[in-house]
Amino acid sequence: MTIRHAMIVGCAGLFTGLVAPLFALEADTDTYCHSWFGHSAHSTRLDTADTNVVVSAVICDGQTSGWIFRTDQVPPTCKGKRGQIAVLVALGTDAKIKGVTVLDHKEDAPYFKRLKSGFFSQFVDQSADAPRSRFDAVTHATLSSRAIIRDVMEGAKTVLAQPEIAAQLRTANNGG
């Protein structure tokens, strides 16, 4: 399976299309990892303790470099005007956002197309605990852009609060 159209925003703010089917994620996670973390990166699914949170660790040269998750697989559920917007988010071990990619949505196309690379690149290198007010919504795509902001920021907080991930963050922040 291939991604027909993908909106990819990586560390350099690359933007190349529109929407990917949800089923393509498993086969193409490493493509996103390479874009956001470097060519040696690959992902491996984590077993999170007794939650419904689905997260993959990003491994580079044998070390955890971050995590990748889909907002439709991490609470809370945030919806745009027409329903859930599935966003793939990459977080580094510094608790900063490395990249954001829209995988699927049901939003009205004429409005959703207003979400350009500048909207998505504003997430890159932002702390996962940054206030949502720091991000600009897009005029005439206000509900969709606000939903993506909520999805990314709330999902990032949920992922970083997982015991397995929080322990790794504490270790990284303490120099060990």
C-alpha atoms as a PDB file:
ATOM      1  CA  MET A   1       0.000   0.000   0.000  1.00  0.00           C
ATOM      2  CA  THR A   2       1.245   3.469  -0.752  1.00  0.00           C
ATOM      3  CA  ILE A   3       0.308   6.865   0.492  1.00  0.00           C
ATOM      4  CA  ARG A   4      -1.577   8.577  -2.285  1.00  0.00           C
ATOM      5  CA  HIS A   5      -1.284  12.076  -0.913  1.00  0.00           C
ATOM      6  CA  ALA A   6       0.465  13.074   2.276  1.00  0.00           C
ATOM      7  CA  MET A   7       0.832  16.324   4.108  1.00  0.00           C
ATOM      8  CA  ILE A   8       4.218  16.089   5.764  1.00  0.00           C
ATOM      9  CA  VAL A   9       5.705  18.725   7.985  1.00  0.00           C
ATOM     10  CA  GLY A  10       9.101  17.830   9.313  1.00  0.00           C
ATOM     11  CA  CYS A  11      11.917  19.715  10.937  1.00  0.00           C
ATOM     12  CA  ALA A  12      12.423  21.716   7.743  1.00  0.00           C
ATOM     13  CA  GLY A  13       8.696  22.391   7.267  1.00  0.00           C
ATOM     14  CA  LEU A  14       8.332  20.196   4.165  1.00  0.00           C
ATOM     15  CA  PHE A  15       4.820  20.220   2.679  1.00  0.00           C
ATOM     16  CA  THR A  16       3.881  17.820  -0.113  1.00  0.00           C
ATOM     17  CA  GLY A  17       0.189  17.166  -0.627  1.00  0.00           C
ATOM     18  CA  LEU A  18      -3.101  16.534   1.132  1.00  0.00           C
ATOM     19  CA  VAL A  19      -4.361  13.367   2.820  1.00  0.00           C
ATOM     20  CA  ALA A  20      -3.161   9.806   3.402  1.00  0.00           C
ATOM     21  CA  PRO A  21      -5.399   6.802   4.056  1.00  0.00           C
ATOM     22  CA  LEU A  22      -5.358   5.586   7.651  1.00  0.00           C
ATOM     23  CA  PHE A  23      -4.304   2.034   6.706  1.00  0.00           C
ATOM     24  CA  ALA A  24      -1.004   3.289   5.269  1.00  0.00           C
ATOM     25  CA  LEU A  25       0.372   4.312   8.666  1.00  0.00           C
ATOM     26  CA  GLU A  26       1.829   0.999   9.765  1.00  0.00           C
ATOM     27  CA  ALA A  27       3.704   0.447   6.500  1.00  0.00           C
ATOM     28  CA  ASP A  28       4.993   4.017   6.252  1.00  0.00           C
ATOM     29  CA  THR A  29       5.825   5.021   9.837  1.00  0.00           C
ATOM     30  CA  ASP A  30       9.535   4.634   9.114  1.00  0.00           C
ATOM     31  CA  THR A  31       9.212   7.096   6.217  1.00  0.00           C
ATOM     32  CA  TYR A  32       7.947   9.700   8.665  1.00  0.00           C
ATOM     33  CA  CYS A  33      10.621   8.729  11.196  1.00  0.00           C
ATOM     34  CA  HIS A  34      13.311   9.289   8.563  1.00  0.00           C
ATOM     35  CA  SER A  35      11.877  12.680   7.685  1.00  0.00           C
ATOM     36  CA  TRP A  36      11.656  13.842  11.291  1.00  0.00           C
ATOM     37  CA  PHE A  37      14.513  12.024  13.048  1.00  0.00           C
ATOM     38  CA  GLY A  38      17.031  11.075  10.335  1.00  0.00           C
ATOM     39  CA  HIS A  39      17.675   8.152   8.026  1.00  0.00           C
ATOM     40  CA  SER A  40      18.708   5.680  10.737  1.00  0.00           C
ATOM     41  CA  ALA A  41      15.390   6.129  12.605  1.00  0.00           C
ATOM     42  CA  HIS A  42      12.772   3.401  12.808  1.00  0.00           C
ATOM     43  CA  SER A  43       9.691   2.934  14.969  1.00  0.00           C
ATOM     44  CA  THR A  44       8.593   0.173  17.271  1.00  0.00           C
ATOM     45  CA  ARG A  45       5.239   0.021  19.009  1.00  0.00           C
ATOM     46  CA  LEU A  46       5.272   0.468  22.781  1.00  0.00           C
ATOM     47  CA  ASP A  47       3.146  -1.485  25.183  1.00  0.00           C
ATOM     48  CA  THR A  48       1.673   1.255  27.355  1.00  0.00           C
ATOM     49  CA  ALA A  49       0.464   0.259  30.803  1.00  0.00           C
ATOM     50  CA  ASP A  50      -3.250  -0.506  30.904  1.00  0.00           C
ATOM     51  CA  THR A  51      -4.334   2.357  28.646  1.00  0.00           C
ATOM     52  CA  ASN A  52      -5.850   2.701  25.218  1.00  0.00           C
ATOM     53  CA  VAL A  53      -2.980   4.971  24.125  1.00  0.00           C
ATOM     54  CA  VAL A  54      -1.156   3.711  21.016  1.00  0.00           C
ATOM     55  CA  VAL A  55       2.403   5.039  20.757  1.00  0.00           C
ATOM     56  CA  SER A  56       5.534   3.965  18.898  1.00  0.00           C
ATOM     57  CA  ALA A  57       9.053   4.667  20.083  1.00  0.00           C
ATOM     58  CA  VAL A  58      11.448   6.123  17.528  1.00  0.00           C
ATOM     59  CA  ILE A  59      14.846   4.443  17.718  1.00  0.00           C
ATOM     60  CA  CYS A  60      18.022   5.928  16.218  1.00  0.00           C
ATOM     61  CA  ASP A  61      21.294   4.029  16.531  1.00  0.00           C
ATOM     62  CA  GLY A  62      19.916   1.881  19.350  1.00  0.00           C
ATOM     63  CA  GLN A  63      18.664   4.823  21.436  1.00  0.00           C
ATOM     64  CA  THR A  64      15.151   6.200  21.903  1.00  0.00           C
ATOM     65  CA  SER A  65      15.007   9.518  20.059  1.00  0.00           C
ATOM     66  CA  GLY A  66      11.303  10.185  20.527  1.00  0.00           C
ATOM     67  CA  TRP A  67       7.806   8.908  19.971  1.00  0.00           C
ATOM     68  CA  ILE A  68       5.223   8.925  17.220  1.00  0.00           C
ATOM     69  CA  PHE A  69       1.456   8.741  17.698  1.00  0.00           C
ATOM     70  CA  ARG A  70      -1.831   9.266  15.899  1.00  0.00           C
ATOM     71  CA  THR A  71      -4.230  11.704  17.517  1.00  0.00           C
ATOM     72  CA  ASP A  72      -7.174   9.419  16.749  1.00  0.00           C
ATOM     73  CA  GLN A  73      -5.520   6.722  18.922  1.00  0.00           C
ATOM     74  CA  VAL A  74      -4.757   8.960  21.896  1.00  0.00           C
ATOM     75  CA  PRO A  75      -7.330  10.622  24.140  1.00  0.00           C
ATOM     76  CA  PRO A  76      -8.919  13.095  24.282  1.00  0.00           C
ATOM     77  CA  THR A  77     -11.005  12.914  21.132  1.00  0.00           C
ATOM     78  CA  CYS A  78     -10.985  16.262  19.368  1.00  0.00           C
ATOM     79  CA  LYS A  79     -13.134  16.845  16.333  1.00  0.00           C
ATOM     80  CA  GLY A  80     -13.263  19.421  13.569  1.00  0.00           C
ATOM     81  CA  LYS A  81     -16.487  20.590  11.965  1.00  0.00           C
ATOM     82  CA  ARG A  82     -17.188  17.237  10.261  1.00  0.00           C
ATOM     83  CA  GLY A  83     -15.512  14.780  12.624  1.00  0.00           C
ATOM     84  CA  GLN A  84     -12.196  13.415  13.832  1.00  0.00           C
ATOM     85  CA  ILE A  85      -9.057  14.671  12.099  1.00  0.00           C
ATOM     86  CA  ALA A  86      -6.342  12.008  12.290  1.00  0.00           C
ATOM     87  CA  VAL A  87      -2.937  13.619  12.761  1.00  0.00           C
ATOM     88  CA  LEU A  88       0.410  11.857  13.087  1.00  0.00           C
ATOM     89  CA  VAL A  89       2.653  13.633  15.592  1.00  0.00           C
ATOM     90  CA  ALA A  90       6.337  13.111  16.377  1.00  0.00           C
ATOM     91  CA  LEU A  91       7.804  14.090  19.757  1.00  0.00           C
ATOM     92  CA  GLY A  92      11.484  14.172  20.643  1.00  0.00           C
ATOM     93  CA  THR A  93      13.016  13.134  23.959  1.00  0.00           C
ATOM     94  CA  ASP A  94      13.304  16.861  24.658  1.00  0.00           C
ATOM     95  CA  ALA A  95       9.450  16.918  24.756  1.00  0.00           C
ATOM     96  CA  LYS A  96       9.341  19.089  21.634  1.00  0.00           C
ATOM     97  CA  ILE A  97       7.260  18.453  18.549  1.00  0.00           C
ATOM     98  CA  LYS A  98       9.367  17.224  15.629  1.00  0.00           C
ATOM     99  CA  GLY A  99       6.657  16.942  12.996  1.00  0.00           C
ATOM    100  CA  VAL A 100       2.945  16.883  12.222  1.00  0.00           C
ATOM    101  CA  THR A 101       1.162  15.102   9.368  1.00  0.00           C
ATOM    102  CA  VAL A 102      -2.565  14.949   8.581  1.00  0.00           C
ATOM    103  CA  LEU A 103      -3.507  11.356   7.789  1.00  0.00           C
ATOM    104  CA  ASP A 104      -7.252  11.621   7.322  1.00  0.00           C
ATOM    105  CA  HIS A 105     -10.125  14.045   7.705  1.00  0.00           C
ATOM    106  CA  LYS A 106     -13.745  14.597   6.719  1.00  0.00           C
ATOM    107  CA  GLU A 107     -13.575  18.389   6.673  1.00  0.00           C
ATOM    108  CA  ASP A 108     -14.921  20.476   3.796  1.00  0.00           C
ATOM    109  CA  ALA A 109     -12.167  20.476   1.149  1.00  0.00           C
ATOM    110  CA  PRO A 110     -12.389  24.165   0.135  1.00  0.00           C
ATOM    111  CA  TYR A 111     -11.790  25.221   3.738  1.00  0.00           C
ATOM    112  CA  PHE A 112      -9.305  22.511   4.696  1.00  0.00           C
ATOM    113  CA  LYS A 113      -7.104  23.441   1.724  1.00  0.00           C
ATOM    114  CA  ARG A 114      -6.500  26.784   3.444  1.00  0.00           C
ATOM    115  CA  LEU A 115      -4.267  24.944   5.923  1.00  0.00           C
ATOM    116  CA  LYS A 116      -0.895  25.554   4.280  1.00  0.00           C
ATOM    117  CA  SER A 117       2.626  24.594   5.302  1.00  0.00           C
ATOM    118  CA  GLY A 118       2.963  27.691   7.524  1.00  0.00           C
ATOM    119  CA  PHE A 119       0.138  26.484   9.735  1.00  0.00           C
ATOM    120  CA  PHE A 120       1.769  23.082  10.221  1.00  0.00           C
ATOM    121  CA  SER A 121       5.338  24.317  10.566  1.00  0.00           C
ATOM    122  CA  GLN A 122       4.355  26.446  13.591  1.00  0.00           C
ATOM    123  CA  PHE A 123       4.273  23.213  15.641  1.00  0.00           C
ATOM    124  CA  VAL A 124       7.857  22.173  14.883  1.00  0.00           C
ATOM    125  CA  ASP A 125      10.259  22.658  17.805  1.00  0.00           C
ATOM    126  CA  GLN A 126       7.456  23.797  20.118  1.00  0.00           C
ATOM    127  CA  SER A 127       7.316  22.314  23.589  1.00  0.00           C
ATOM    128  CA  ALA A 128       4.516  19.806  24.091  1.00  0.00           C
ATOM    129  CA  ASP A 129       3.328  21.858  27.065  1.00  0.00           C
ATOM    130  CA  ALA A 130       3.169  25.131  25.118  1.00  0.00           C
ATOM    131  CA  PRO A 131      -0.148  26.924  25.571  1.00  0.00           C
ATOM    132  CA  ARG A 132      -2.582  26.421  22.698  1.00  0.00           C
ATOM    133  CA  SER A 133      -2.917  30.193  22.464  1.00  0.00           C
ATOM    134  CA  ARG A 134       0.640  30.261  21.035  1.00  0.00           C
ATOM    135  CA  PHE A 135      -0.644  28.722  17.777  1.00  0.00           C
ATOM    136  CA  ASP A 136      -2.492  30.630  15.086  1.00  0.00           C
ATOM    137  CA  ALA A 137      -5.713  29.244  13.669  1.00  0.00           C
ATOM    138  CA  VAL A 138      -6.490  29.779   9.981  1.00  0.00           C
ATOM    139  CA  THR A 139      -9.257  32.164   8.900  1.00  0.00           C
ATOM    140  CA  HIS A 140     -12.032  30.359   6.989  1.00  0.00           C
ATOM    141  CA  ALA A 141     -10.720  27.051   8.346  1.00  0.00           C
ATOM    142  CA  THR A 142     -11.057  28.044  11.973  1.00  0.00           C
ATOM    143  CA  LEU A 143     -12.802  24.931  13.308  1.00  0.00           C
ATOM    144  CA  SER A 144     -10.439  22.567  11.499  1.00  0.00           C
ATOM    145  CA  SER A 145      -7.288  24.440  12.490  1.00  0.00           C
ATOM    146  CA  ARG A 146      -8.388  24.779  16.117  1.00  0.00           C
ATOM    147  CA  ALA A 147      -9.210  21.053  16.197  1.00  0.00           C
ATOM    148  CA  ILE A 148      -5.732  20.190  14.896  1.00  0.00           C
ATOM    149  CA  ILE A 149      -4.122  22.473  17.478  1.00  0.00           C
ATOM    150  CA  ARG A 150      -6.155  20.790  20.245  1.00  0.00           C
ATOM    151  CA  ASP A 151      -5.431  17.307  18.863  1.00  0.00           C
ATOM    152  CA  VAL A 152      -1.692  17.840  18.643  1.00  0.00           C
ATOM    153  CA  MET A 153      -1.200  19.606  21.962  1.00  0.00           C
ATOM    154  CA  GLU A 154      -3.580  17.531  24.097  1.00  0.00           C
ATOM    155  CA  GLY A 155      -2.399  14.291  22.490  1.00  0.00           C
ATOM    156  CA  ALA A 156       1.243  15.235  23.123  1.00  0.00           C
ATOM    157  CA  LYS A 157       0.516  15.869  26.806  1.00  0.00           C
ATOM    158  CA  THR A 158      -1.281  12.516  27.082  1.00  0.00           C
ATOM    159  CA  VAL A 159       1.585  10.643  25.434  1.00  0.00           C
ATOM    160  CA  LEU A 160       4.291  12.314  27.520  1.00  0.00           C
ATOM    161  CA  ALA A 161       2.322  11.516  30.689  1.00  0.00           C
ATOM    162  CA  GLN A 162       2.434   7.755  29.984  1.00  0.00           C
ATOM    163  CA  PRO A 163       4.555   6.189  32.770  1.00  0.00           C
ATOM    164  CA  GLU A 164       6.945   4.489  30.337  1.00  0.00           C
ATOM    165  CA  ILE A 165       7.581   7.734  28.468  1.00  0.00           C
ATOM    166  CA  ALA A 166       7.609  10.027  31.504  1.00  0.00           C
ATOM    167  CA  ALA A 167      10.330   7.836  33.051  1.00  0.00           C
ATOM    168  CA  GLN A 168      12.466   8.188  29.917  1.00  0.00           C
ATOM    169  CA  LEU A 169      11.943  11.966  29.904  1.00  0.00           C
ATOM    170  CA  ARG A 170      13.050  12.218  33.543  1.00  0.00           C
ATOM    171  CA  THR A 171      16.153  10.157  32.786  1.00  0.00           C
ATOM    172  CA  ALA A 172      16.990  12.288  29.721  1.00  0.00           C
ATOM    173  CA  ASN A 173      16.473  15.535  31.667  1.00  0.00           C
ATOM    174  CA  ASN A 174      18.686  14.318  34.512  1.00  0.00           C
ATOM    175  CA  GLY A 175      21.547  13.571  32.152  1.00  0.00           C
ATOM    176  CA  GLY A 176      21.323   9.813  32.418  1.00  0.00           C
END
